[in-house]
Amino acid sequence: MAGRKDDEMKDLTLLGNKNTKYLFEYSPEVLEVFDNKHPDRDYFVKFNCPEFTSLCQ
């Protein structure tokens, strides 16, 4: 399975940016999205980060 090409990620500015300053209040503008290249597949996503916080609505 191949990764994404640079032109597919050109609009992402926060993902992978170690200088991103995150706010402590709800701030949906820091979320970046991209199209799923394989919508017909099932995914298993595991986050291994003891300080990860998610606010889902």
PDB file of N, CA and C in Angstrom:
ATOM      1  N   MET A   1       0.844  -1.170   0.000  1.00  0.00           N
ATOM      2  CA  MET A   1       0.000   0.000   0.000  1.00  0.00           C
ATOM      3  C   MET A   1       0.893   1.239   0.000  1.00  0.00           C
ATOM      4  N   ALA A   2       0.670   2.107  -0.918  1.00  0.00           N
ATOM      5  CA  ALA A   2       1.492   3.308  -1.050  1.00  0.00           C
ATOM      6  C   ALA A   2       0.961   4.427  -0.173  1.00  0.00           C
ATOM      7  N   GLY A   3       1.840   5.337   0.204  1.00  0.00           N
ATOM      8  CA  GLY A   3       1.444   6.496   0.997  1.00  0.00           C
ATOM      9  C   GLY A   3       0.870   7.583   0.116  1.00  0.00           C
ATOM     10  N   ARG A   4       0.683   8.726   0.682  1.00  0.00           N
ATOM     11  CA  ARG A   4       0.131   9.853  -0.067  1.00  0.00           C
ATOM     12  C   ARG A   4       1.250  10.608  -0.771  1.00  0.00           C
ATOM     13  N   LYS A   5       0.900  11.188  -1.890  1.00  0.00           N
ATOM     14  CA  LYS A   5       1.850  11.992  -2.661  1.00  0.00           C
ATOM     15  C   LYS A   5       1.884  13.404  -2.076  1.00  0.00           C
ATOM     16  N   ASP A   6       2.973  14.106  -2.320  1.00  0.00           N
ATOM     17  CA  ASP A   6       3.139  15.459  -1.789  1.00  0.00           C
ATOM     18  C   ASP A   6       2.005  16.386  -2.209  1.00  0.00           C
ATOM     19  N   ASP A   7       1.537  16.271  -3.450  1.00  0.00           N
ATOM     20  CA  ASP A   7       0.476  17.169  -3.904  1.00  0.00           C
ATOM     21  C   ASP A   7      -0.853  16.888  -3.195  1.00  0.00           C
ATOM     22  N   GLU A   8      -1.032  15.690  -2.644  1.00  0.00           N
ATOM     23  CA  GLU A   8      -2.242  15.370  -1.883  1.00  0.00           C
ATOM     24  C   GLU A   8      -2.199  15.981  -0.481  1.00  0.00           C
ATOM     25  N   MET A   9      -1.017  16.339  -0.021  1.00  0.00           N
ATOM     26  CA  MET A   9      -0.860  16.845   1.341  1.00  0.00           C
ATOM     27  C   MET A   9      -0.518  18.336   1.365  1.00  0.00           C
ATOM     28  N   LYS A  10      -0.559  18.989   0.213  1.00  0.00           N
ATOM     29  CA  LYS A  10      -0.121  20.375   0.128  1.00  0.00           C
ATOM     30  C   LYS A  10      -0.951  21.338   0.973  1.00  0.00           C
ATOM     31  N   ASP A  11      -2.224  21.012   1.226  1.00  0.00           N
ATOM     32  CA  ASP A  11      -3.088  21.901   1.997  1.00  0.00           C
ATOM     33  C   ASP A  11      -3.028  21.653   3.501  1.00  0.00           C
ATOM     34  N   LEU A  12      -2.316  20.613   3.914  1.00  0.00           N
ATOM     35  CA  LEU A  12      -2.187  20.331   5.342  1.00  0.00           C
ATOM     36  C   LEU A  12      -1.064  21.180   5.918  1.00  0.00           C
ATOM     37  N   THR A  13      -1.379  21.917   6.958  1.00  0.00           N
ATOM     38  CA  THR A  13      -0.369  22.791   7.558  1.00  0.00           C
ATOM     39  C   THR A  13      -0.066  22.408   9.001  1.00  0.00           C
ATOM     40  N   LEU A  14      -0.988  21.711   9.660  1.00  0.00           N
ATOM     41  CA  LEU A  14      -0.812  21.380  11.070  1.00  0.00           C
ATOM     42  C   LEU A  14      -0.321  19.955  11.280  1.00  0.00           C
ATOM     43  N   LEU A  15      -0.795  19.028  10.461  1.00  0.00           N
ATOM     44  CA  LEU A  15      -0.450  17.622  10.616  1.00  0.00           C
ATOM     45  C   LEU A  15       1.053  17.437  10.429  1.00  0.00           C
ATOM     46  N   GLY A  16       1.721  16.962  11.451  1.00  0.00           N
ATOM     47  CA  GLY A  16       3.159  16.747  11.393  1.00  0.00           C
ATOM     48  C   GLY A  16       3.993  17.980  11.700  1.00  0.00           C
ATOM     49  N   ASN A  17       3.345  19.099  11.928  1.00  0.00           N
ATOM     50  CA  ASN A  17       4.054  20.343  12.224  1.00  0.00           C
ATOM     51  C   ASN A  17       4.327  20.408  13.720  1.00  0.00           C
ATOM     52  N   LYS A  18       5.572  20.344  14.113  1.00  0.00           N
ATOM     53  CA  LYS A  18       5.928  20.320  15.532  1.00  0.00           C
ATOM     54  C   LYS A  18       5.856  21.694  16.173  1.00  0.00           C
ATOM     55  N   ASN A  19       5.575  22.731  15.393  1.00  0.00           N
ATOM     56  CA  ASN A  19       5.482  24.089  15.937  1.00  0.00           C
ATOM     57  C   ASN A  19       4.046  24.540  16.136  1.00  0.00           C
ATOM     58  N   THR A  20       3.085  23.646  15.968  1.00  0.00           N
ATOM     59  CA  THR A  20       1.681  24.001  16.124  1.00  0.00           C
ATOM     60  C   THR A  20       1.382  24.340  17.585  1.00  0.00           C
ATOM     61  N   LYS A  21       0.724  25.450  17.795  1.00  0.00           N
ATOM     62  CA  LYS A  21       0.313  25.868  19.139  1.00  0.00           C
ATOM     63  C   LYS A  21      -1.165  25.517  19.291  1.00  0.00           C
ATOM     64  N   TYR A  22      -1.463  24.595  20.188  1.00  0.00           N
ATOM     65  CA  TYR A  22      -2.838  24.171  20.406  1.00  0.00           C
ATOM     66  C   TYR A  22      -3.454  24.947  21.552  1.00  0.00           C
ATOM     67  N   LEU A  23      -4.718  25.304  21.381  1.00  0.00           N
ATOM     68  CA  LEU A  23      -5.458  26.032  22.405  1.00  0.00           C
ATOM     69  C   LEU A  23      -6.047  25.045  23.410  1.00  0.00           C
ATOM     70  N   PHE A  24      -6.411  25.525  24.566  1.00  0.00           N
ATOM     71  CA  PHE A  24      -6.990  24.673  25.599  1.00  0.00           C
ATOM     72  C   PHE A  24      -8.514  24.708  25.590  1.00  0.00           C
ATOM     73  N   GLU A  25      -9.121  25.441  24.672  1.00  0.00           N
ATOM     74  CA  GLU A  25     -10.556  25.432  24.528  1.00  0.00           C
ATOM     75  C   GLU A  25     -10.915  24.805  23.173  1.00  0.00           C
ATOM     76  N   TYR A  26     -12.175  24.450  23.023  1.00  0.00           N
ATOM     77  CA  TYR A  26     -12.641  23.812  21.786  1.00  0.00           C
ATOM     78  C   TYR A  26     -12.284  24.685  20.593  1.00  0.00           C
ATOM     79  N   SER A  27     -11.586  24.114  19.642  1.00  0.00           N
ATOM     80  CA  SER A  27     -11.077  24.877  18.511  1.00  0.00           C
ATOM     81  C   SER A  27     -11.089  24.013  17.245  1.00  0.00           C
ATOM     82  N   PRO A  28     -12.258  23.867  16.594  1.00  0.00           N
ATOM     83  CA  PRO A  28     -12.354  22.974  15.434  1.00  0.00           C
ATOM     84  C   PRO A  28     -11.498  23.403  14.244  1.00  0.00           C
ATOM     85  N   GLU A  29     -11.046  24.644  14.199  1.00  0.00           N
ATOM     86  CA  GLU A  29     -10.233  25.093  13.057  1.00  0.00           C
ATOM     87  C   GLU A  29      -8.855  24.444  13.021  1.00  0.00           C
ATOM     88  N   VAL A  30      -8.426  23.785  14.098  1.00  0.00           N
ATOM     89  CA  VAL A  30      -7.137  23.100  14.054  1.00  0.00           C
ATOM     90  C   VAL A  30      -7.250  21.692  13.466  1.00  0.00           C
ATOM     91  N   LEU A  31      -8.478  21.237  13.178  1.00  0.00           N
ATOM     92  CA  LEU A  31      -8.652  19.919  12.564  1.00  0.00           C
ATOM     93  C   LEU A  31      -8.484  20.029  11.059  1.00  0.00           C
ATOM     94  N   GLU A  32      -7.672  19.165  10.509  1.00  0.00           N
ATOM     95  CA  GLU A  32      -7.477  19.132   9.060  1.00  0.00           C
ATOM     96  C   GLU A  32      -8.015  17.808   8.535  1.00  0.00           C
ATOM     97  N   VAL A  33      -8.598  17.853   7.358  1.00  0.00           N
ATOM     98  CA  VAL A  33      -9.199  16.649   6.784  1.00  0.00           C
ATOM     99  C   VAL A  33      -8.618  16.384   5.408  1.00  0.00           C
ATOM    100  N   PHE A  34      -8.732  15.153   4.966  1.00  0.00           N
ATOM    101  CA  PHE A  34      -8.352  14.781   3.610  1.00  0.00           C
ATOM    102  C   PHE A  34      -9.217  13.602   3.206  1.00  0.00           C
ATOM    103  N   ASP A  35      -9.379  13.401   1.907  1.00  0.00           N
ATOM    104  CA  ASP A  35     -10.226  12.334   1.386  1.00  0.00           C
ATOM    105  C   ASP A  35      -9.642  10.965   1.699  1.00  0.00           C
ATOM    106  N   ASN A  36     -10.519  10.024   1.964  1.00  0.00           N
ATOM    107  CA  ASN A  36     -10.127   8.637   2.185  1.00  0.00           C
ATOM    108  C   ASN A  36      -9.853   8.010   0.817  1.00  0.00           C
ATOM    109  N   LYS A  37      -8.627   7.560   0.592  1.00  0.00           N
ATOM    110  CA  LYS A  37      -8.256   6.973  -0.695  1.00  0.00           C
ATOM    111  C   LYS A  37      -8.884   5.595  -0.911  1.00  0.00           C
ATOM    112  N   HIS A  38      -9.330   4.947   0.164  1.00  0.00           N
ATOM    113  CA  HIS A  38      -9.888   3.601   0.067  1.00  0.00           C
ATOM    114  C   HIS A  38     -11.155   3.501   0.920  1.00  0.00           C
ATOM    115  N   PRO A  39     -12.251   4.176   0.517  1.00  0.00           N
ATOM    116  CA  PRO A  39     -13.461   4.184   1.341  1.00  0.00           C
ATOM    117  C   PRO A  39     -14.136   2.814   1.463  1.00  0.00           C
ATOM    118  N   ASP A  40     -13.782   1.879   0.605  1.00  0.00           N
ATOM    119  CA  ASP A  40     -14.387   0.551   0.649  1.00  0.00           C
ATOM    120  C   ASP A  40     -13.706  -0.378   1.657  1.00  0.00           C
ATOM    121  N   ARG A  41     -12.640   0.067   2.294  1.00  0.00           N
ATOM    122  CA  ARG A  41     -11.903  -0.755   3.253  1.00  0.00           C
ATOM    123  C   ARG A  41     -12.336  -0.452   4.685  1.00  0.00           C
ATOM    124  N   ASP A  42     -12.256  -1.462   5.532  1.00  0.00           N
ATOM    125  CA  ASP A  42     -12.437  -1.259   6.967  1.00  0.00           C
ATOM    126  C   ASP A  42     -11.089  -0.881   7.564  1.00  0.00           C
ATOM    127  N   TYR A  43     -11.105  -0.034   8.580  1.00  0.00           N
ATOM    128  CA  TYR A  43      -9.876   0.423   9.202  1.00  0.00           C
ATOM    129  C   TYR A  43      -9.884   0.124  10.694  1.00  0.00           C
ATOM    130  N   PHE A  44      -8.737  -0.164  11.226  1.00  0.00           N
ATOM    131  CA  PHE A  44      -8.512  -0.271  12.667  1.00  0.00           C
ATOM    132  C   PHE A  44      -7.488   0.799  12.999  1.00  0.00           C
ATOM    133  N   VAL A  45      -7.873   1.736  13.833  1.00  0.00           N
ATOM    134  CA  VAL A  45      -6.984   2.840  14.190  1.00  0.00           C
ATOM    135  C   VAL A  45      -6.672   2.732  15.673  1.00  0.00           C
ATOM    136  N   LYS A  46      -5.400   2.753  16.005  1.00  0.00           N
ATOM    137  CA  LYS A  46      -4.965   2.670  17.394  1.00  0.00           C
ATOM    138  C   LYS A  46      -4.031   3.839  17.673  1.00  0.00           C
ATOM    139  N   PHE A  47      -4.386   4.618  18.676  1.00  0.00           N
ATOM    140  CA  PHE A  47      -3.539   5.718  19.110  1.00  0.00           C
ATOM    141  C   PHE A  47      -2.811   5.283  20.373  1.00  0.00           C
ATOM    142  N   ASN A  48      -1.513   5.381  20.359  1.00  0.00           N
ATOM    143  CA  ASN A  48      -0.719   5.062  21.536  1.00  0.00           C
ATOM    144  C   ASN A  48      -0.061   6.356  22.002  1.00  0.00           C
ATOM    145  N   CYS A  49      -0.847   7.121  22.742  1.00  0.00           N
ATOM    146  CA  CYS A  49      -0.378   8.430  23.208  1.00  0.00           C
ATOM    147  C   CYS A  49      -1.051   8.716  24.541  1.00  0.00           C
ATOM    148  N   PRO A  50      -0.333   8.647  25.641  1.00  0.00           N
ATOM    149  CA  PRO A  50      -0.954   8.786  26.960  1.00  0.00           C
ATOM    150  C   PRO A  50      -1.567  10.162  27.230  1.00  0.00           C
ATOM    151  N   GLU A  51      -1.244  11.174  26.435  1.00  0.00           N
ATOM    152  CA  GLU A  51      -1.784  12.505  26.683  1.00  0.00           C
ATOM    153  C   GLU A  51      -2.717  12.966  25.577  1.00  0.00           C
ATOM    154  N   PHE A  52      -3.253  12.022  24.789  1.00  0.00           N
ATOM    155  CA  PHE A  52      -4.154  12.377  23.695  1.00  0.00           C
ATOM    156  C   PHE A  52      -5.546  12.659  24.236  1.00  0.00           C
ATOM    157  N   THR A  53      -6.140  13.756  23.821  1.00  0.00           N
ATOM    158  CA  THR A  53      -7.500  14.112  24.215  1.00  0.00           C
ATOM    159  C   THR A  53      -8.323  14.363  22.966  1.00  0.00           C
ATOM    160  N   SER A  54      -9.538  13.856  22.950  1.00  0.00           N
ATOM    161  CA  SER A  54     -10.405  14.036  21.803  1.00  0.00           C
ATOM    162  C   SER A  54     -11.763  14.532  22.276  1.00  0.00           C
ATOM    163  N   LEU A  55     -12.307  15.493  21.573  1.00  0.00           N
ATOM    164  CA  LEU A  55     -13.646  15.985  21.841  1.00  0.00           C
ATOM    165  C   LEU A  55     -14.487  15.698  20.615  1.00  0.00           C
ATOM    166  N   CYS A  56     -15.357  14.706  20.702  1.00  0.00           N
ATOM    167  CA  CYS A  56     -16.184  14.316  19.568  1.00  0.00           C
ATOM    168  C   CYS A  56     -17.627  14.724  19.820  1.00  0.00           C
ATOM    169  N   GLN A  57     -18.279  15.177  18.775  1.00  0.00           N
ATOM    170  CA  GLN A  57     -19.692  15.572  18.892  1.00  0.00           C
ATOM    171  C   GLN A  57     -20.522  14.794  17.918  1.00  0.00           C
TER     172      GLN A  57
END
